[in-house]
């Protein structure tokens, strides 16, 4: 038997009255599991699914729960910890041979100490990384495959005919590639310190690497805290600007 534990999701759907947790939670990992059960029912017969709820603790996916709003922060994780660990201890006595935890660090705090409770004959997997990677790891585990990371692209070329328009955090942008670069040059001359702060993604501005998020913030006026690297890349590519990946990370600062 296999045991999968997923954290609850802020996105929820279903009726106003209580319904099973697997129908209530609408986050991507829960969608992956529902699709797996629907498309590969024979592989799903030995799967037991539990949710780690910020309000209800560790619950089977069949447990009926109402729509609710509860954040899992450090305080709530510590409050739930004794109850969650007790429930996990009981599950580890139920004869599972495989375990997968699809939990963020905030939820893992409520399960602190879990490794010492896993029997030696149980193999375990903890999904880790960006959401896309976590979902790929979850799919592989569900299907009994060994997950292999894909080679990461080091250069994202802009389309030959870029759209030239894009929306970021509600702000519409209509700029040519030349206009983006011109605004970047002007801002670079005024504040090169912040431009150099990047970790993963950068743009070559006259052969000078600048943070992708910094450049998008410059042309949009949207603070870098209001969007992520994926959205920065989306904006730049739509406006005709190629984006480069820094191998191993170069600078500390903006996570761009």
C-alpha atoms as a PDB file:
ATOM      1  CA  UNK A   1       0.000   0.000   0.000  1.00  0.00           C
ATOM      2  CA  UNK A   2       1.071   3.538  -0.703  1.00  0.00           C
ATOM      3  CA  UNK A   3       0.427   6.640   1.398  1.00  0.00           C
ATOM      4  CA  UNK A   4       0.331  10.137  -0.041  1.00  0.00           C
ATOM      5  CA  UNK A   5      -0.022  13.235   2.157  1.00  0.00           C
ATOM      6  CA  UNK A   6      -0.723  16.594   0.508  1.00  0.00           C
ATOM      7  CA  UNK A   7      -1.143  19.937   2.174  1.00  0.00           C
ATOM      8  CA  UNK A   8      -4.489  21.667   1.855  1.00  0.00           C
ATOM      9  CA  UNK A   9      -4.908  24.439  -0.701  1.00  0.00           C
ATOM     10  CA  UNK A  10      -6.131  28.007  -0.470  1.00  0.00           C
ATOM     11  CA  UNK A  11      -8.150  27.351  -3.607  1.00  0.00           C
ATOM     12  CA  UNK A  12     -11.276  25.393  -2.783  1.00  0.00           C
ATOM     13  CA  UNK A  13     -14.452  24.485  -4.599  1.00  0.00           C
ATOM     14  CA  UNK A  14     -17.526  22.377  -4.047  1.00  0.00           C
ATOM     15  CA  UNK A  15     -20.904  22.920  -2.420  1.00  0.00           C
ATOM     16  CA  UNK A  16     -21.576  25.069   0.626  1.00  0.00           C
ATOM     17  CA  UNK A  17     -22.306  21.980   2.704  1.00  0.00           C
ATOM     18  CA  UNK A  18     -19.443  19.675   3.785  1.00  0.00           C
ATOM     19  CA  UNK A  19     -17.978  17.439   1.072  1.00  0.00           C
ATOM     20  CA  UNK A  20     -14.976  15.054   0.876  1.00  0.00           C
ATOM     21  CA  UNK A  21     -11.606  16.786   1.123  1.00  0.00           C
ATOM     22  CA  UNK A  22     -10.527  15.437  -2.266  1.00  0.00           C
ATOM     23  CA  UNK A  23     -13.472  17.259  -3.811  1.00  0.00           C
ATOM     24  CA  UNK A  24     -12.977  20.406  -1.743  1.00  0.00           C
ATOM     25  CA  UNK A  25      -9.318  21.168  -2.445  1.00  0.00           C
ATOM     26  CA  UNK A  26      -8.647  22.679  -5.870  1.00  0.00           C
ATOM     27  CA  UNK A  27      -4.859  23.202  -5.730  1.00  0.00           C
ATOM     28  CA  UNK A  28      -2.630  21.743  -8.493  1.00  0.00           C
ATOM     29  CA  UNK A  29      -1.412  18.652  -6.536  1.00  0.00           C
ATOM     30  CA  UNK A  30      -4.999  17.652  -5.790  1.00  0.00           C
ATOM     31  CA  UNK A  31      -5.880  18.098  -9.446  1.00  0.00           C
ATOM     32  CA  UNK A  32      -2.983  15.808 -10.377  1.00  0.00           C
ATOM     33  CA  UNK A  33      -4.246  13.095  -8.022  1.00  0.00           C
ATOM     34  CA  UNK A  34      -7.822  13.330  -9.274  1.00  0.00           C
ATOM     35  CA  UNK A  35      -6.622  13.025 -12.867  1.00  0.00           C
ATOM     36  CA  UNK A  36      -4.438  10.044 -11.924  1.00  0.00           C
ATOM     37  CA  UNK A  37      -7.361   8.289 -10.252  1.00  0.00           C
ATOM     38  CA  UNK A  38      -9.584   9.003 -13.233  1.00  0.00           C
ATOM     39  CA  UNK A  39      -7.141   8.021 -15.983  1.00  0.00           C
ATOM     40  CA  UNK A  40      -5.178   5.189 -14.288  1.00  0.00           C
ATOM     41  CA  UNK A  41      -7.671   3.594 -11.888  1.00  0.00           C
ATOM     42  CA  UNK A  42      -5.815   0.269 -11.715  1.00  0.00           C
ATOM     43  CA  UNK A  43      -2.643   1.978 -10.487  1.00  0.00           C
ATOM     44  CA  UNK A  44      -4.669   3.947  -7.956  1.00  0.00           C
ATOM     45  CA  UNK A  45      -6.185   0.954  -6.165  1.00  0.00           C
ATOM     46  CA  UNK A  46      -3.435   0.771  -3.513  1.00  0.00           C
ATOM     47  CA  UNK A  47      -3.206   4.532  -2.957  1.00  0.00           C
ATOM     48  CA  UNK A  48      -4.372   6.062   0.314  1.00  0.00           C
ATOM     49  CA  UNK A  49      -4.587   9.852   0.252  1.00  0.00           C
ATOM     50  CA  UNK A  50      -4.515  12.135   3.297  1.00  0.00           C
ATOM     51  CA  UNK A  51      -4.591  15.893   3.547  1.00  0.00           C
ATOM     52  CA  UNK A  52      -2.734  18.050   6.033  1.00  0.00           C
ATOM     53  CA  UNK A  53      -5.203  20.815   6.777  1.00  0.00           C
ATOM     54  CA  UNK A  54      -4.257  24.082   8.439  1.00  0.00           C
ATOM     55  CA  UNK A  55      -7.536  23.840  10.345  1.00  0.00           C
ATOM     56  CA  UNK A  56      -8.287  20.139  10.819  1.00  0.00           C
ATOM     57  CA  UNK A  57      -4.819  18.583  10.907  1.00  0.00           C
ATOM     58  CA  UNK A  58      -4.171  15.216   9.267  1.00  0.00           C
ATOM     59  CA  UNK A  59      -7.368  13.935   7.650  1.00  0.00           C
ATOM     60  CA  UNK A  60      -8.275  11.210   5.123  1.00  0.00           C
ATOM     61  CA  UNK A  61      -9.263  12.555   1.719  1.00  0.00           C
ATOM     62  CA  UNK A  62     -12.708  11.051   2.215  1.00  0.00           C
ATOM     63  CA  UNK A  63     -13.415  13.175   5.307  1.00  0.00           C
ATOM     64  CA  UNK A  64     -16.191  15.655   4.695  1.00  0.00           C
ATOM     65  CA  UNK A  65     -15.162  19.235   5.400  1.00  0.00           C
ATOM     66  CA  UNK A  66     -16.861  22.604   4.867  1.00  0.00           C
ATOM     67  CA  UNK A  67     -15.402  25.468   2.899  1.00  0.00           C
ATOM     68  CA  UNK A  68     -13.037  27.321   5.238  1.00  0.00           C
ATOM     69  CA  UNK A  69     -10.203  29.817   5.359  1.00  0.00           C
ATOM     70  CA  UNK A  70      -7.245  29.060   7.630  1.00  0.00           C
ATOM     71  CA  UNK A  71      -3.584  29.953   7.082  1.00  0.00           C
ATOM     72  CA  UNK A  72      -0.806  27.583   8.084  1.00  0.00           C
ATOM     73  CA  UNK A  73       1.760  29.785   9.782  1.00  0.00           C
ATOM     74  CA  UNK A  74       4.425  28.848  12.330  1.00  0.00           C
ATOM     75  CA  UNK A  75       2.070  29.326  15.266  1.00  0.00           C
ATOM     76  CA  UNK A  76      -0.672  27.178  13.752  1.00  0.00           C
ATOM     77  CA  UNK A  77       1.845  24.495  12.749  1.00  0.00           C
ATOM     78  CA  UNK A  78       3.099  24.290  16.343  1.00  0.00           C
ATOM     79  CA  UNK A  79      -0.464  24.077  17.673  1.00  0.00           C
ATOM     80  CA  UNK A  80      -1.294  21.218  15.303  1.00  0.00           C
ATOM     81  CA  UNK A  81       2.023  19.395  15.713  1.00  0.00           C
ATOM     82  CA  UNK A  82       1.107  16.981  18.558  1.00  0.00           C
ATOM     83  CA  UNK A  83      -2.166  15.977  16.872  1.00  0.00           C
ATOM     84  CA  UNK A  84      -0.582  15.628  13.432  1.00  0.00           C
ATOM     85  CA  UNK A  85       2.381  13.591  14.674  1.00  0.00           C
ATOM     86  CA  UNK A  86       0.061  11.274  16.618  1.00  0.00           C
ATOM     87  CA  UNK A  87      -2.017  10.683  13.492  1.00  0.00           C
ATOM     88  CA  UNK A  88       1.105  10.048  11.424  1.00  0.00           C
ATOM     89  CA  UNK A  89       2.407   7.587  14.009  1.00  0.00           C
ATOM     90  CA  UNK A  90      -0.817   5.604  13.707  1.00  0.00           C
ATOM     91  CA  UNK A  91      -0.598   5.592   9.898  1.00  0.00           C
ATOM     92  CA  UNK A  92       2.952   4.246  10.038  1.00  0.00           C
ATOM     93  CA  UNK A  93       1.567   1.164  11.789  1.00  0.00           C
ATOM     94  CA  UNK A  94      -0.900   0.415   8.979  1.00  0.00           C
ATOM     95  CA  UNK A  95       1.483  -1.528   6.724  1.00  0.00           C
ATOM     96  CA  UNK A  96       2.386   1.018   4.061  1.00  0.00           C
ATOM     97  CA  UNK A  97       5.441   0.280   1.941  1.00  0.00           C
ATOM     98  CA  UNK A  98       5.747   3.645   0.162  1.00  0.00           C
ATOM     99  CA  UNK A  99       5.238   7.195   1.420  1.00  0.00           C
ATOM    100  CA  UNK A 100       5.145  10.494  -0.433  1.00  0.00           C
ATOM    101  CA  UNK A 101       4.897  13.889   1.247  1.00  0.00           C
ATOM    102  CA  UNK A 102       3.702  16.747  -0.944  1.00  0.00           C
ATOM    103  CA  UNK A 103       4.117  19.384   1.739  1.00  0.00           C
ATOM    104  CA  UNK A 104       5.610  22.857   1.822  1.00  0.00           C
ATOM    105  CA  UNK A 105       8.003  23.795   4.614  1.00  0.00           C
ATOM    106  CA  UNK A 106       5.207  25.484   6.569  1.00  0.00           C
ATOM    107  CA  UNK A 107       3.252  22.232   6.643  1.00  0.00           C
ATOM    108  CA  UNK A 108       6.316  20.062   7.247  1.00  0.00           C
ATOM    109  CA  UNK A 109       6.765  22.032  10.482  1.00  0.00           C
ATOM    110  CA  UNK A 110       3.482  20.541  11.718  1.00  0.00           C
ATOM    111  CA  UNK A 111       4.961  17.103  10.968  1.00  0.00           C
ATOM    112  CA  UNK A 112       8.381  17.751  12.463  1.00  0.00           C
ATOM    113  CA  UNK A 113       9.999  14.499  13.607  1.00  0.00           C
ATOM    114  CA  UNK A 114       8.246  12.340  11.000  1.00  0.00           C
ATOM    115  CA  UNK A 115      11.394  10.642   9.673  1.00  0.00           C
ATOM    116  CA  UNK A 116      12.076   8.890  12.982  1.00  0.00           C
ATOM    117  CA  UNK A 117       8.595   7.338  12.792  1.00  0.00           C
ATOM    118  CA  UNK A 118       8.942   5.807   9.315  1.00  0.00           C
ATOM    119  CA  UNK A 119       9.616   2.030   9.476  1.00  0.00           C
ATOM    120  CA  UNK A 120      12.850   0.923   7.828  1.00  0.00           C
ATOM    121  CA  UNK A 121      10.977  -1.060   5.162  1.00  0.00           C
ATOM    122  CA  UNK A 122       9.088   2.032   3.953  1.00  0.00           C
ATOM    123  CA  UNK A 123      10.595   4.069   1.123  1.00  0.00           C
ATOM    124  CA  UNK A 124       9.707   7.742   1.202  1.00  0.00           C
ATOM    125  CA  UNK A 125       9.718  10.688  -1.195  1.00  0.00           C
ATOM    126  CA  UNK A 126       9.382  14.379  -0.377  1.00  0.00           C
ATOM    127  CA  UNK A 127       8.533  16.608  -3.336  1.00  0.00           C
ATOM    128  CA  UNK A 128      10.771  19.652  -3.522  1.00  0.00           C
ATOM    129  CA  UNK A 129      11.479  22.636  -5.734  1.00  0.00           C
ATOM    130  CA  UNK A 130       9.271  24.968  -7.789  1.00  0.00           C
ATOM    131  CA  UNK A 131       5.632  23.982  -8.245  1.00  0.00           C
ATOM    132  CA  UNK A 132       6.194  22.576 -11.734  1.00  0.00           C
ATOM    133  CA  UNK A 133       8.979  20.327 -10.455  1.00  0.00           C
ATOM    134  CA  UNK A 134       6.918  19.206  -7.466  1.00  0.00           C
ATOM    135  CA  UNK A 135       4.022  18.243  -9.731  1.00  0.00           C
ATOM    136  CA  UNK A 136       6.352  16.298 -12.028  1.00  0.00           C
ATOM    137  CA  UNK A 137       7.790  14.452  -9.023  1.00  0.00           C
ATOM    138  CA  UNK A 138       4.278  13.694  -7.781  1.00  0.00           C
ATOM    139  CA  UNK A 139       3.194  12.347 -11.177  1.00  0.00           C
ATOM    140  CA  UNK A 140       6.258  10.108 -11.347  1.00  0.00           C
ATOM    141  CA  UNK A 141       5.654   8.745  -7.843  1.00  0.00           C
ATOM    142  CA  UNK A 142       1.982   8.071  -8.523  1.00  0.00           C
ATOM    143  CA  UNK A 143       2.818   6.210 -11.724  1.00  0.00           C
ATOM    144  CA  UNK A 144       5.706   4.267 -10.168  1.00  0.00           C
ATOM    145  CA  UNK A 145       8.357   5.991 -12.262  1.00  0.00           C
ATOM    146  CA  UNK A 146      11.736   7.364 -11.240  1.00  0.00           C
ATOM    147  CA  UNK A 147      11.652  11.118 -11.684  1.00  0.00           C
ATOM    148  CA  UNK A 148      14.467  12.536 -13.791  1.00  0.00           C
ATOM    149  CA  UNK A 149      15.051  16.306 -13.859  1.00  0.00           C
ATOM    150  CA  UNK A 150      14.998  17.805 -17.322  1.00  0.00           C
ATOM    151  CA  UNK A 151      17.888  19.858 -18.602  1.00  0.00           C
ATOM    152  CA  UNK A 152      17.229  23.504 -17.851  1.00  0.00           C
ATOM    153  CA  UNK A 153      17.406  25.949 -20.767  1.00  0.00           C
ATOM    154  CA  UNK A 154      20.139  28.572 -20.491  1.00  0.00           C
ATOM    155  CA  UNK A 155      18.739  30.889 -23.179  1.00  0.00           C
ATOM    156  CA  UNK A 156      15.131  31.838 -23.849  1.00  0.00           C
ATOM    157  CA  UNK A 157      14.866  33.458 -27.258  1.00  0.00           C
ATOM    158  CA  UNK A 158      12.109  35.961 -27.902  1.00  0.00           C
ATOM    159  CA  UNK A 159       9.700  35.223 -30.773  1.00  0.00           C
ATOM    160  CA  UNK A 160      10.689  36.544 -34.173  1.00  0.00           C
ATOM    161  CA  UNK A 161       7.466  38.552 -34.140  1.00  0.00           C
ATOM    162  CA  UNK A 162       6.757  39.433 -30.485  1.00  0.00           C
ATOM    163  CA  UNK A 163       3.282  40.457 -29.397  1.00  0.00           C
ATOM    164  CA  UNK A 164       4.488  43.803 -28.108  1.00  0.00           C
ATOM    165  CA  UNK A 165       1.713  43.967 -25.503  1.00  0.00           C
ATOM    166  CA  UNK A 166       1.376  42.240 -22.151  1.00  0.00           C
ATOM    167  CA  UNK A 167      -0.255  42.760 -18.752  1.00  0.00           C
ATOM    168  CA  UNK A 168       1.620  42.494 -15.446  1.00  0.00           C
ATOM    169  CA  UNK A 169      -0.209  42.764 -12.112  1.00  0.00           C
ATOM    170  CA  UNK A 170      -3.020  44.653 -13.812  1.00  0.00           C
ATOM    171  CA  UNK A 171      -0.629  47.076 -15.565  1.00  0.00           C
ATOM    172  CA  UNK A 172      -0.853  46.957 -19.394  1.00  0.00           C
ATOM    173  CA  UNK A 173       2.439  47.346 -21.264  1.00  0.00           C
ATOM    174  CA  UNK A 174       2.784  48.160 -24.953  1.00  0.00           C
ATOM    175  CA  UNK A 175       6.467  48.551 -25.786  1.00  0.00           C
ATOM    176  CA  UNK A 176       8.852  47.574 -28.540  1.00  0.00           C
ATOM    177  CA  UNK A 177      12.073  45.740 -27.782  1.00  0.00           C
ATOM    178  CA  UNK A 178      14.018  48.929 -28.464  1.00  0.00           C
ATOM    179  CA  UNK A 179      11.859  50.896 -26.025  1.00  0.00           C
ATOM    180  CA  UNK A 180      12.410  48.298 -23.288  1.00  0.00           C
ATOM    181  CA  UNK A 181      16.163  48.386 -23.776  1.00  0.00           C
ATOM    182  CA  UNK A 182      16.239  52.200 -23.921  1.00  0.00           C
ATOM    183  CA  UNK A 183      14.387  52.486 -20.611  1.00  0.00           C
ATOM    184  CA  UNK A 184      16.734  49.893 -19.142  1.00  0.00           C
ATOM    185  CA  UNK A 185      19.810  51.827 -20.259  1.00  0.00           C
ATOM    186  CA  UNK A 186      18.480  55.020 -18.723  1.00  0.00           C
ATOM    187  CA  UNK A 187      17.674  53.317 -15.401  1.00  0.00           C
ATOM    188  CA  UNK A 188      21.015  51.507 -15.407  1.00  0.00           C
ATOM    189  CA  UNK A 189      22.841  54.806 -15.606  1.00  0.00           C
ATOM    190  CA  UNK A 190      20.963  56.037 -12.553  1.00  0.00           C
ATOM    191  CA  UNK A 191      20.988  52.857 -10.419  1.00  0.00           C
ATOM    192  CA  UNK A 192      23.354  50.123 -11.496  1.00  0.00           C
ATOM    193  CA  UNK A 193      23.522  48.612  -8.006  1.00  0.00           C
ATOM    194  CA  UNK A 194      20.018  47.185  -7.981  1.00  0.00           C
ATOM    195  CA  UNK A 195      20.254  46.138 -11.630  1.00  0.00           C
ATOM    196  CA  UNK A 196      23.106  43.765 -10.785  1.00  0.00           C
ATOM    197  CA  UNK A 197      21.143  41.877  -8.133  1.00  0.00           C
ATOM    198  CA  UNK A 198      19.887  38.660  -9.655  1.00  0.00           C
ATOM    199  CA  UNK A 199      20.142  34.964  -8.940  1.00  0.00           C
ATOM    200  CA  UNK A 200      18.886  32.963 -11.913  1.00  0.00           C
ATOM    201  CA  UNK A 201      17.600  35.080 -14.786  1.00  0.00           C
ATOM    202  CA  UNK A 202      19.145  38.112 -16.429  1.00  0.00           C
ATOM    203  CA  UNK A 203      19.042  40.194 -19.615  1.00  0.00           C
ATOM    204  CA  UNK A 204      22.074  41.350 -21.548  1.00  0.00           C
ATOM    205  CA  UNK A 205      21.791  45.110 -21.821  1.00  0.00           C
ATOM    206  CA  UNK A 206      24.615  46.189 -24.165  1.00  0.00           C
ATOM    207  CA  UNK A 207      26.560  43.141 -22.930  1.00  0.00           C
ATOM    208  CA  UNK A 208      25.919  44.110 -19.291  1.00  0.00           C
ATOM    209  CA  UNK A 209      23.888  41.470 -17.363  1.00  0.00           C
ATOM    210  CA  UNK A 210      20.960  42.994 -15.467  1.00  0.00           C
ATOM    211  CA  UNK A 211      18.254  41.357 -13.390  1.00  0.00           C
ATOM    212  CA  UNK A 212      15.212  40.306 -15.411  1.00  0.00           C
ATOM    213  CA  UNK A 213      12.924  41.319 -12.545  1.00  0.00           C
ATOM    214  CA  UNK A 214      14.672  44.671 -12.164  1.00  0.00           C
ATOM    215  CA  UNK A 215      14.201  45.453 -15.851  1.00  0.00           C
ATOM    216  CA  UNK A 216      10.526  44.514 -15.771  1.00  0.00           C
ATOM    217  CA  UNK A 217      10.030  46.659 -12.676  1.00  0.00           C
ATOM    218  CA  UNK A 218      11.707  49.573 -14.474  1.00  0.00           C
ATOM    219  CA  UNK A 219       9.439  49.421 -17.516  1.00  0.00           C
ATOM    220  CA  UNK A 220       6.234  48.691 -15.609  1.00  0.00           C
ATOM    221  CA  UNK A 221       6.566  50.572 -12.337  1.00  0.00           C
ATOM    222  CA  UNK A 222       5.478  47.412 -10.521  1.00  0.00           C
ATOM    223  CA  UNK A 223       7.695  46.586  -7.472  1.00  0.00           C
ATOM    224  CA  UNK A 224       9.702  43.383  -7.775  1.00  0.00           C
ATOM    225  CA  UNK A 225       7.902  42.028  -4.702  1.00  0.00           C
ATOM    226  CA  UNK A 226       4.635  41.988  -6.651  1.00  0.00           C
ATOM    227  CA  UNK A 227       5.655  39.445  -9.315  1.00  0.00           C
ATOM    228  CA  UNK A 228       7.896  36.406  -9.672  1.00  0.00           C
ATOM    229  CA  UNK A 229      10.643  35.413 -12.096  1.00  0.00           C
ATOM    230  CA  UNK A 230       8.255  33.453 -14.301  1.00  0.00           C
ATOM    231  CA  UNK A 231       6.161  36.564 -14.871  1.00  0.00           C
ATOM    232  CA  UNK A 232       9.280  38.633 -15.550  1.00  0.00           C
ATOM    233  CA  UNK A 233      10.308  36.191 -18.262  1.00  0.00           C
ATOM    234  CA  UNK A 234       6.789  36.162 -19.693  1.00  0.00           C
ATOM    235  CA  UNK A 235       6.735  39.962 -19.973  1.00  0.00           C
ATOM    236  CA  UNK A 236      10.181  40.262 -21.530  1.00  0.00           C
ATOM    237  CA  UNK A 237       9.617  37.530 -24.103  1.00  0.00           C
ATOM    238  CA  UNK A 238       6.269  39.051 -25.074  1.00  0.00           C
ATOM    239  CA  UNK A 239       8.045  42.372 -25.668  1.00  0.00           C
ATOM    240  CA  UNK A 240      10.792  40.776 -27.757  1.00  0.00           C
ATOM    241  CA  UNK A 241      13.614  40.637 -25.184  1.00  0.00           C
ATOM    242  CA  UNK A 242      15.617  37.418 -24.802  1.00  0.00           C
ATOM    243  CA  UNK A 243      16.381  36.134 -21.301  1.00  0.00           C
ATOM    244  CA  UNK A 244      19.448  34.256 -20.054  1.00  0.00           C
ATOM    245  CA  UNK A 245      19.925  31.865 -17.136  1.00  0.00           C
ATOM    246  CA  UNK A 246      22.851  32.305 -14.761  1.00  0.00           C
ATOM    247  CA  UNK A 247      24.409  28.896 -14.243  1.00  0.00           C
ATOM    248  CA  UNK A 248      24.647  28.213 -10.516  1.00  0.00           C
ATOM    249  CA  UNK A 249      23.477  31.708  -9.639  1.00  0.00           C
ATOM    250  CA  UNK A 250      25.683  34.769  -9.768  1.00  0.00           C
ATOM    251  CA  UNK A 251      24.351  37.532  -7.575  1.00  0.00           C
ATOM    252  CA  UNK A 252      22.302  37.703  -4.420  1.00  0.00           C
ATOM    253  CA  UNK A 253      19.291  39.963  -4.240  1.00  0.00           C
ATOM    254  CA  UNK A 254      16.283  39.926  -6.513  1.00  0.00           C
ATOM    255  CA  UNK A 255      15.217  36.382  -7.191  1.00  0.00           C
ATOM    256  CA  UNK A 256      15.209  37.085 -10.922  1.00  0.00           C
END
